[in-house]
């Protein structure tokens, strides 16, 4: 299984970089992982909706340009489908049974994902109704991805 994570922005904090590197190392036993960072746009205090839309559109162009042809795309969105960890493991297994060998997950920047990116997605997934910082969400996602593969393989993992 090939997994690509496309994210907006770079991680600046060392402790988050270390966590990403640790989960990427652990995941190497289960999948071929590629993390692609696209540049984020600078946000302003009290942006108008038009400014936010313009920002999202610029980030969307970068995201869409990096989605490989033929990959199954899942956008992480607050209004996506929520599943528990076992259900997510079952979902990944069902995709492989359908012959899907490459899944692309998308994490937006501080303003989210553009409507065009969401339309491109084959599925919307929500981790929670809560809002998480996008840099921290990368760590949360990779930890969960690792957990899903452990579940798929029937290997123990703390609960």
C-alpha atoms as a PDB file:
ATOM      1  CA  UNK A   1       0.000   0.000   0.000  1.00  0.00           C
ATOM      2  CA  UNK A   2       1.231   3.454  -0.888  1.00  0.00           C
ATOM      3  CA  UNK A   3       0.091   6.358   1.265  1.00  0.00           C
ATOM      4  CA  UNK A   4       0.710   9.985   0.406  1.00  0.00           C
ATOM      5  CA  UNK A   5      -0.016  12.753   2.862  1.00  0.00           C
ATOM      6  CA  UNK A   6      -0.294  16.180   1.288  1.00  0.00           C
ATOM      7  CA  UNK A   7      -0.222  18.978   3.842  1.00  0.00           C
ATOM      8  CA  UNK A   8      -0.259  22.737   3.703  1.00  0.00           C
ATOM      9  CA  UNK A   9       2.662  24.413   5.428  1.00  0.00           C
ATOM     10  CA  UNK A  10       5.829  23.277   7.116  1.00  0.00           C
ATOM     11  CA  UNK A  11       6.287  22.091  10.663  1.00  0.00           C
ATOM     12  CA  UNK A  12       8.501  24.485  12.567  1.00  0.00           C
ATOM     13  CA  UNK A  13       8.575  23.009  16.080  1.00  0.00           C
ATOM     14  CA  UNK A  14      11.263  20.388  16.704  1.00  0.00           C
ATOM     15  CA  UNK A  15       9.052  18.223  18.921  1.00  0.00           C
ATOM     16  CA  UNK A  16       6.431  17.936  16.150  1.00  0.00           C
ATOM     17  CA  UNK A  17       9.117  17.164  13.545  1.00  0.00           C
ATOM     18  CA  UNK A  18      10.451  14.434  15.840  1.00  0.00           C
ATOM     19  CA  UNK A  19       6.971  12.918  16.255  1.00  0.00           C
ATOM     20  CA  UNK A  20       6.374  12.933  12.485  1.00  0.00           C
ATOM     21  CA  UNK A  21       9.750  11.275  11.901  1.00  0.00           C
ATOM     22  CA  UNK A  22       9.038   8.626  14.542  1.00  0.00           C
ATOM     23  CA  UNK A  23       5.677   7.641  13.061  1.00  0.00           C
ATOM     24  CA  UNK A  24       7.076   7.714   9.529  1.00  0.00           C
ATOM     25  CA  UNK A  25       9.765   5.278  10.669  1.00  0.00           C
ATOM     26  CA  UNK A  26       7.199   2.993  12.310  1.00  0.00           C
ATOM     27  CA  UNK A  27       4.945   3.123   9.256  1.00  0.00           C
ATOM     28  CA  UNK A  28       7.757   1.974   6.954  1.00  0.00           C
ATOM     29  CA  UNK A  29       6.991  -1.603   8.044  1.00  0.00           C
ATOM     30  CA  UNK A  30       3.411  -1.314   6.772  1.00  0.00           C
ATOM     31  CA  UNK A  31       3.285   1.037   3.809  1.00  0.00           C
ATOM     32  CA  UNK A  32       5.247   3.243   1.504  1.00  0.00           C
ATOM     33  CA  UNK A  33       4.680   6.703   3.001  1.00  0.00           C
ATOM     34  CA  UNK A  34       5.345   9.986   1.268  1.00  0.00           C
ATOM     35  CA  UNK A  35       4.718  13.321   2.993  1.00  0.00           C
ATOM     36  CA  UNK A  36       4.390  16.286   0.659  1.00  0.00           C
ATOM     37  CA  UNK A  37       4.357  19.797   2.064  1.00  0.00           C
ATOM     38  CA  UNK A  38       2.955  22.569  -0.103  1.00  0.00           C
ATOM     39  CA  UNK A  39       3.519  26.220   0.708  1.00  0.00           C
ATOM     40  CA  UNK A  40       0.923  27.965   2.805  1.00  0.00           C
ATOM     41  CA  UNK A  41      -0.312  31.497   2.338  1.00  0.00           C
ATOM     42  CA  UNK A  42       0.116  34.083   5.049  1.00  0.00           C
ATOM     43  CA  UNK A  43      -3.083  34.681   6.969  1.00  0.00           C
ATOM     44  CA  UNK A  44      -4.174  38.049   8.295  1.00  0.00           C
ATOM     45  CA  UNK A  45      -6.162  38.972  11.363  1.00  0.00           C
ATOM     46  CA  UNK A  46      -9.800  39.669  10.519  1.00  0.00           C
ATOM     47  CA  UNK A  47      -9.599  38.414   6.923  1.00  0.00           C
ATOM     48  CA  UNK A  48     -12.667  38.980   4.818  1.00  0.00           C
ATOM     49  CA  UNK A  49     -14.339  35.957   3.260  1.00  0.00           C
ATOM     50  CA  UNK A  50     -13.071  37.090  -0.149  1.00  0.00           C
ATOM     51  CA  UNK A  51      -9.494  37.165   1.177  1.00  0.00           C
ATOM     52  CA  UNK A  52      -9.902  33.725   2.750  1.00  0.00           C
ATOM     53  CA  UNK A  53     -11.332  32.358  -0.507  1.00  0.00           C
ATOM     54  CA  UNK A  54      -8.388  33.772  -2.464  1.00  0.00           C
ATOM     55  CA  UNK A  55      -5.934  32.254   0.016  1.00  0.00           C
ATOM     56  CA  UNK A  56      -7.659  28.855  -0.184  1.00  0.00           C
ATOM     57  CA  UNK A  57      -7.663  28.980  -3.980  1.00  0.00           C
ATOM     58  CA  UNK A  58      -3.895  29.543  -4.109  1.00  0.00           C
ATOM     59  CA  UNK A  59      -3.274  26.656  -1.700  1.00  0.00           C
ATOM     60  CA  UNK A  60      -5.718  24.485  -3.673  1.00  0.00           C
ATOM     61  CA  UNK A  61      -3.713  24.942  -6.864  1.00  0.00           C
ATOM     62  CA  UNK A  62      -0.629  23.634  -5.077  1.00  0.00           C
ATOM     63  CA  UNK A  63      -2.484  20.694  -3.525  1.00  0.00           C
ATOM     64  CA  UNK A  64      -4.242  19.633  -6.718  1.00  0.00           C
ATOM     65  CA  UNK A  65      -0.981  19.763  -8.675  1.00  0.00           C
ATOM     66  CA  UNK A  66       0.537  17.192  -6.294  1.00  0.00           C
ATOM     67  CA  UNK A  67      -2.265  14.600  -6.302  1.00  0.00           C
ATOM     68  CA  UNK A  68      -1.048  11.607  -8.320  1.00  0.00           C
ATOM     69  CA  UNK A  69      -3.208  10.347 -11.158  1.00  0.00           C
ATOM     70  CA  UNK A  70      -5.363   7.372 -10.210  1.00  0.00           C
ATOM     71  CA  UNK A  71      -4.952   7.727  -6.432  1.00  0.00           C
ATOM     72  CA  UNK A  72      -7.900   7.510  -4.052  1.00  0.00           C
ATOM     73  CA  UNK A  73      -8.175  10.864  -2.256  1.00  0.00           C
ATOM     74  CA  UNK A  74      -9.436  11.408   1.278  1.00  0.00           C
ATOM     75  CA  UNK A  75      -9.695  14.974   2.581  1.00  0.00           C
ATOM     76  CA  UNK A  76      -9.566  15.539   6.314  1.00  0.00           C
ATOM     77  CA  UNK A  77     -12.500  17.856   6.980  1.00  0.00           C
ATOM     78  CA  UNK A  78     -14.465  18.714  10.080  1.00  0.00           C
ATOM     79  CA  UNK A  79     -17.713  17.825   8.248  1.00  0.00           C
ATOM     80  CA  UNK A  80     -16.409  14.476   6.961  1.00  0.00           C
ATOM     81  CA  UNK A  81     -17.441  11.012   8.054  1.00  0.00           C
ATOM     82  CA  UNK A  82     -16.337  10.051  11.541  1.00  0.00           C
ATOM     83  CA  UNK A  83     -15.192   6.501  12.268  1.00  0.00           C
ATOM     84  CA  UNK A  84     -13.405   4.907  15.180  1.00  0.00           C
ATOM     85  CA  UNK A  85      -9.953   3.340  14.728  1.00  0.00           C
ATOM     86  CA  UNK A  86     -11.264  -0.167  13.984  1.00  0.00           C
ATOM     87  CA  UNK A  87     -13.712   1.214  11.421  1.00  0.00           C
ATOM     88  CA  UNK A  88     -10.869   3.153   9.761  1.00  0.00           C
ATOM     89  CA  UNK A  89      -8.756  -0.008   9.602  1.00  0.00           C
ATOM     90  CA  UNK A  90     -11.717  -1.806   8.013  1.00  0.00           C
ATOM     91  CA  UNK A  91     -12.138   1.094   5.572  1.00  0.00           C
ATOM     92  CA  UNK A  92      -8.502   0.855   4.451  1.00  0.00           C
ATOM     93  CA  UNK A  93      -8.854  -2.926   4.096  1.00  0.00           C
ATOM     94  CA  UNK A  94     -11.991  -2.480   1.996  1.00  0.00           C
ATOM     95  CA  UNK A  95     -10.147  -0.088  -0.325  1.00  0.00           C
ATOM     96  CA  UNK A  96      -7.376  -2.632  -0.873  1.00  0.00           C
ATOM     97  CA  UNK A  97      -9.994  -5.313  -1.611  1.00  0.00           C
ATOM     98  CA  UNK A  98     -11.377  -2.964  -4.275  1.00  0.00           C
ATOM     99  CA  UNK A  99      -7.914  -2.863  -5.855  1.00  0.00           C
ATOM    100  CA  UNK A 100      -6.929   0.565  -4.569  1.00  0.00           C
ATOM    101  CA  UNK A 101      -3.216   0.586  -3.838  1.00  0.00           C
ATOM    102  CA  UNK A 102      -2.570   4.309  -3.387  1.00  0.00           C
ATOM    103  CA  UNK A 103      -4.425   6.539  -0.936  1.00  0.00           C
ATOM    104  CA  UNK A 104      -3.771  10.267  -0.699  1.00  0.00           C
ATOM    105  CA  UNK A 105      -4.799  12.071   2.477  1.00  0.00           C
ATOM    106  CA  UNK A 106      -5.115  15.865   2.494  1.00  0.00           C
ATOM    107  CA  UNK A 107      -4.642  18.199   5.452  1.00  0.00           C
ATOM    108  CA  UNK A 108      -5.393  21.860   4.819  1.00  0.00           C
ATOM    109  CA  UNK A 109      -3.754  24.896   6.312  1.00  0.00           C
ATOM    110  CA  UNK A 110      -4.988  27.212   9.024  1.00  0.00           C
ATOM    111  CA  UNK A 111      -8.028  28.253   6.967  1.00  0.00           C
ATOM    112  CA  UNK A 112      -8.888  24.713   5.845  1.00  0.00           C
ATOM    113  CA  UNK A 113      -9.335  23.272   2.362  1.00  0.00           C
ATOM    114  CA  UNK A 114     -10.755  24.947  -0.714  1.00  0.00           C
ATOM    115  CA  UNK A 115     -14.099  23.700  -2.085  1.00  0.00           C
ATOM    116  CA  UNK A 116     -12.326  22.624  -5.276  1.00  0.00           C
ATOM    117  CA  UNK A 117     -10.008  20.328  -3.296  1.00  0.00           C
ATOM    118  CA  UNK A 118     -12.937  18.867  -1.385  1.00  0.00           C
ATOM    119  CA  UNK A 119     -14.781  18.215  -4.672  1.00  0.00           C
ATOM    120  CA  UNK A 120     -11.697  16.355  -5.943  1.00  0.00           C
ATOM    121  CA  UNK A 121     -11.687  14.104  -2.893  1.00  0.00           C
ATOM    122  CA  UNK A 122     -13.284  10.684  -3.144  1.00  0.00           C
ATOM    123  CA  UNK A 123     -14.097  10.830   0.550  1.00  0.00           C
ATOM    124  CA  UNK A 124     -14.189  13.283   3.434  1.00  0.00           C
ATOM    125  CA  UNK A 125     -12.965  12.063   6.814  1.00  0.00           C
ATOM    126  CA  UNK A 126     -13.357  13.814  10.159  1.00  0.00           C
ATOM    127  CA  UNK A 127     -11.278  13.042  13.211  1.00  0.00           C
ATOM    128  CA  UNK A 128     -13.487  15.157  15.457  1.00  0.00           C
ATOM    129  CA  UNK A 129     -15.826  18.108  15.541  1.00  0.00           C
ATOM    130  CA  UNK A 130     -12.985  19.890  17.322  1.00  0.00           C
ATOM    131  CA  UNK A 131     -10.558  22.094  15.414  1.00  0.00           C
ATOM    132  CA  UNK A 132      -6.897  21.070  15.628  1.00  0.00           C
ATOM    133  CA  UNK A 133      -3.848  23.091  14.576  1.00  0.00           C
ATOM    134  CA  UNK A 134      -2.885  21.752  11.146  1.00  0.00           C
ATOM    135  CA  UNK A 135       0.697  21.026  12.222  1.00  0.00           C
ATOM    136  CA  UNK A 136      -0.477  18.971  15.193  1.00  0.00           C
ATOM    137  CA  UNK A 137      -3.061  17.259  12.985  1.00  0.00           C
ATOM    138  CA  UNK A 138      -0.219  15.804  10.936  1.00  0.00           C
ATOM    139  CA  UNK A 139       1.112  14.009  14.033  1.00  0.00           C
ATOM    140  CA  UNK A 140      -2.357  12.873  15.075  1.00  0.00           C
ATOM    141  CA  UNK A 141      -3.031  11.551  11.575  1.00  0.00           C
ATOM    142  CA  UNK A 142       0.255   9.619  11.348  1.00  0.00           C
ATOM    143  CA  UNK A 143      -0.284   8.074  14.779  1.00  0.00           C
ATOM    144  CA  UNK A 144      -3.752   6.960  13.725  1.00  0.00           C
ATOM    145  CA  UNK A 145      -2.484   5.623  10.395  1.00  0.00           C
ATOM    146  CA  UNK A 146       0.056   3.563  12.308  1.00  0.00           C
ATOM    147  CA  UNK A 147      -2.706   2.328  14.621  1.00  0.00           C
ATOM    148  CA  UNK A 148      -4.911   1.361  11.641  1.00  0.00           C
ATOM    149  CA  UNK A 149      -2.152  -0.728  10.098  1.00  0.00           C
ATOM    150  CA  UNK A 150      -1.462  -2.429  13.443  1.00  0.00           C
ATOM    151  CA  UNK A 151      -5.176  -3.294  13.656  1.00  0.00           C
ATOM    152  CA  UNK A 152      -5.227  -4.576  10.059  1.00  0.00           C
ATOM    153  CA  UNK A 153      -2.248  -6.844  10.803  1.00  0.00           C
ATOM    154  CA  UNK A 154      -3.814  -8.060  14.048  1.00  0.00           C
ATOM    155  CA  UNK A 155      -0.886  -6.730  16.050  1.00  0.00           C
ATOM    156  CA  UNK A 156      -1.276  -5.345  19.574  1.00  0.00           C
ATOM    157  CA  UNK A 157      -1.337  -1.622  20.133  1.00  0.00           C
ATOM    158  CA  UNK A 158      -2.244   0.265  23.290  1.00  0.00           C
ATOM    159  CA  UNK A 159      -5.800   1.497  23.583  1.00  0.00           C
END
